């Protein structure tokens, strides 16, 4: 016997759960999907930033030391403002 949907399967096998449990499950699935999307967005932004920094160094507009120094300055500033 084949089933076209999960609902068909559930009904045939008497898997009746309450609406709150199903809603919670779908909320969790949605949250996991949103986290996966954020990870993908973060990867793309990191790649774009890395690409821009590399091009600036290759073209002689900035030096790697300039980037490292500024990153350290910003990191120290952020640590001070977090306290």
C-alpha atoms as a PDB file:
ATOM      1  CA  UNK A   1       0.000   0.000   0.000  1.00  0.00           C
ATOM      2  CA  UNK A   2       1.417   3.388  -0.934  1.00  0.00           C
ATOM      3  CA  UNK A   3       0.672   6.724   0.660  1.00  0.00           C
ATOM      4  CA  UNK A   4       0.608  10.037  -1.116  1.00  0.00           C
ATOM      5  CA  UNK A   5       1.179  12.224   1.906  1.00  0.00           C
ATOM      6  CA  UNK A   6       2.371  11.959   5.472  1.00  0.00           C
ATOM      7  CA  UNK A   7      -1.222  12.638   6.573  1.00  0.00           C
ATOM      8  CA  UNK A   8      -2.410   9.565   4.678  1.00  0.00           C
ATOM      9  CA  UNK A   9       0.266   7.470   6.353  1.00  0.00           C
ATOM     10  CA  UNK A  10      -0.472   8.928   9.790  1.00  0.00           C
ATOM     11  CA  UNK A  11      -4.213   8.380   9.421  1.00  0.00           C
ATOM     12  CA  UNK A  12      -3.742   4.814   8.255  1.00  0.00           C
ATOM     13  CA  UNK A  13      -1.434   4.022  11.195  1.00  0.00           C
ATOM     14  CA  UNK A  14      -3.396   5.965  13.786  1.00  0.00           C
ATOM     15  CA  UNK A  15      -0.585   8.407  14.530  1.00  0.00           C
ATOM     16  CA  UNK A  16      -2.712  11.181  15.925  1.00  0.00           C
ATOM     17  CA  UNK A  17      -0.807  13.781  17.865  1.00  0.00           C
ATOM     18  CA  UNK A  18      -2.209  16.969  19.271  1.00  0.00           C
ATOM     19  CA  UNK A  19      -2.039  20.204  17.327  1.00  0.00           C
ATOM     20  CA  UNK A  20       0.321  21.853  19.827  1.00  0.00           C
ATOM     21  CA  UNK A  21       2.943  19.140  19.415  1.00  0.00           C
ATOM     22  CA  UNK A  22       2.786  19.423  15.625  1.00  0.00           C
ATOM     23  CA  UNK A  23       2.932  23.200  15.775  1.00  0.00           C
ATOM     24  CA  UNK A  24       5.962  23.023  18.056  1.00  0.00           C
ATOM     25  CA  UNK A  25       7.662  20.553  15.732  1.00  0.00           C
ATOM     26  CA  UNK A  26       7.120  22.796  12.698  1.00  0.00           C
ATOM     27  CA  UNK A  27       8.318  25.813  14.678  1.00  0.00           C
ATOM     28  CA  UNK A  28      11.530  23.936  15.468  1.00  0.00           C
ATOM     29  CA  UNK A  29      11.981  22.925  11.838  1.00  0.00           C
ATOM     30  CA  UNK A  30      11.426  26.526  10.753  1.00  0.00           C
ATOM     31  CA  UNK A  31      13.965  27.757  13.308  1.00  0.00           C
ATOM     32  CA  UNK A  32      16.550  25.238  12.093  1.00  0.00           C
ATOM     33  CA  UNK A  33      15.958  26.344   8.494  1.00  0.00           C
ATOM     34  CA  UNK A  34      16.413  29.999   9.495  1.00  0.00           C
ATOM     35  CA  UNK A  35      19.703  29.166  11.233  1.00  0.00           C
ATOM     36  CA  UNK A  36      20.904  27.337   8.119  1.00  0.00           C
ATOM     37  CA  UNK A  37      20.006  30.386   6.013  1.00  0.00           C
ATOM     38  CA  UNK A  38      21.909  32.669   8.401  1.00  0.00           C
ATOM     39  CA  UNK A  39      24.963  30.421   8.186  1.00  0.00           C
ATOM     40  CA  UNK A  40      24.832  30.575   4.393  1.00  0.00           C
ATOM     41  CA  UNK A  41      24.441  34.375   4.462  1.00  0.00           C
ATOM     42  CA  UNK A  42      27.358  34.649   6.889  1.00  0.00           C
ATOM     43  CA  UNK A  43      29.536  32.513   4.602  1.00  0.00           C
ATOM     44  CA  UNK A  44      28.704  34.671   1.578  1.00  0.00           C
ATOM     45  CA  UNK A  45      29.408  37.914   3.432  1.00  0.00           C
ATOM     46  CA  UNK A  46      32.690  36.558   4.779  1.00  0.00           C
ATOM     47  CA  UNK A  47      33.711  35.447   1.292  1.00  0.00           C
ATOM     48  CA  UNK A  48      32.839  38.857  -0.180  1.00  0.00           C
ATOM     49  CA  UNK A  49      34.798  40.677   2.534  1.00  0.00           C
ATOM     50  CA  UNK A  50      37.817  38.397   2.136  1.00  0.00           C
ATOM     51  CA  UNK A  51      37.726  38.895  -1.628  1.00  0.00           C
ATOM     52  CA  UNK A  52      37.633  42.682  -1.284  1.00  0.00           C
ATOM     53  CA  UNK A  53      40.521  42.701   1.194  1.00  0.00           C
ATOM     54  CA  UNK A  54      42.625  40.480  -1.068  1.00  0.00           C
ATOM     55  CA  UNK A  55      41.950  42.704  -4.089  1.00  0.00           C
ATOM     56  CA  UNK A  56      42.880  45.844  -2.139  1.00  0.00           C
ATOM     57  CA  UNK A  57      46.167  44.232  -1.101  1.00  0.00           C
ATOM     58  CA  UNK A  58      46.882  42.903  -4.630  1.00  0.00           C
ATOM     59  CA  UNK A  59      46.302  46.343  -6.160  1.00  0.00           C
ATOM     60  CA  UNK A  60      48.585  47.980  -3.611  1.00  0.00           C
ATOM     61  CA  UNK A  61      45.831  50.153  -2.162  1.00  0.00           C
ATOM     62  CA  UNK A  62      46.400  48.799   1.360  1.00  0.00           C
ATOM     63  CA  UNK A  63      48.916  46.457   2.923  1.00  0.00           C
ATOM     64  CA  UNK A  64      48.151  43.311   4.863  1.00  0.00           C
ATOM     65  CA  UNK A  65      49.696  44.931   7.952  1.00  0.00           C
ATOM     66  CA  UNK A  66      47.196  47.810   7.649  1.00  0.00           C
ATOM     67  CA  UNK A  67      44.298  45.349   7.684  1.00  0.00           C
ATOM     68  CA  UNK A  68      45.714  43.416  10.627  1.00  0.00           C
ATOM     69  CA  UNK A  69      46.374  46.600  12.612  1.00  0.00           C
ATOM     70  CA  UNK A  70      42.883  47.982  11.987  1.00  0.00           C
ATOM     71  CA  UNK A  71      41.283  44.645  12.866  1.00  0.00           C
ATOM     72  CA  UNK A  72      43.155  44.636  16.181  1.00  0.00           C
ATOM     73  CA  UNK A  73      42.093  48.245  16.881  1.00  0.00           C
ATOM     74  CA  UNK A  74      38.449  47.462  16.178  1.00  0.00           C
ATOM     75  CA  UNK A  75      38.564  44.281  18.246  1.00  0.00           C
ATOM     76  CA  UNK A  76      39.989  46.173  21.231  1.00  0.00           C
ATOM     77  CA  UNK A  77      37.346  48.899  20.806  1.00  0.00           C
ATOM     78  CA  UNK A  78      34.553  46.338  20.750  1.00  0.00           C
ATOM     79  CA  UNK A  79      35.919  44.652  23.873  1.00  0.00           C
ATOM     80  CA  UNK A  80      35.850  48.002  25.699  1.00  0.00           C
ATOM     81  CA  UNK A  81      32.294  48.766  24.652  1.00  0.00           C
ATOM     82  CA  UNK A  82      31.054  45.289  25.662  1.00  0.00           C
ATOM     83  CA  UNK A  83      32.067  45.794  29.297  1.00  0.00           C
END
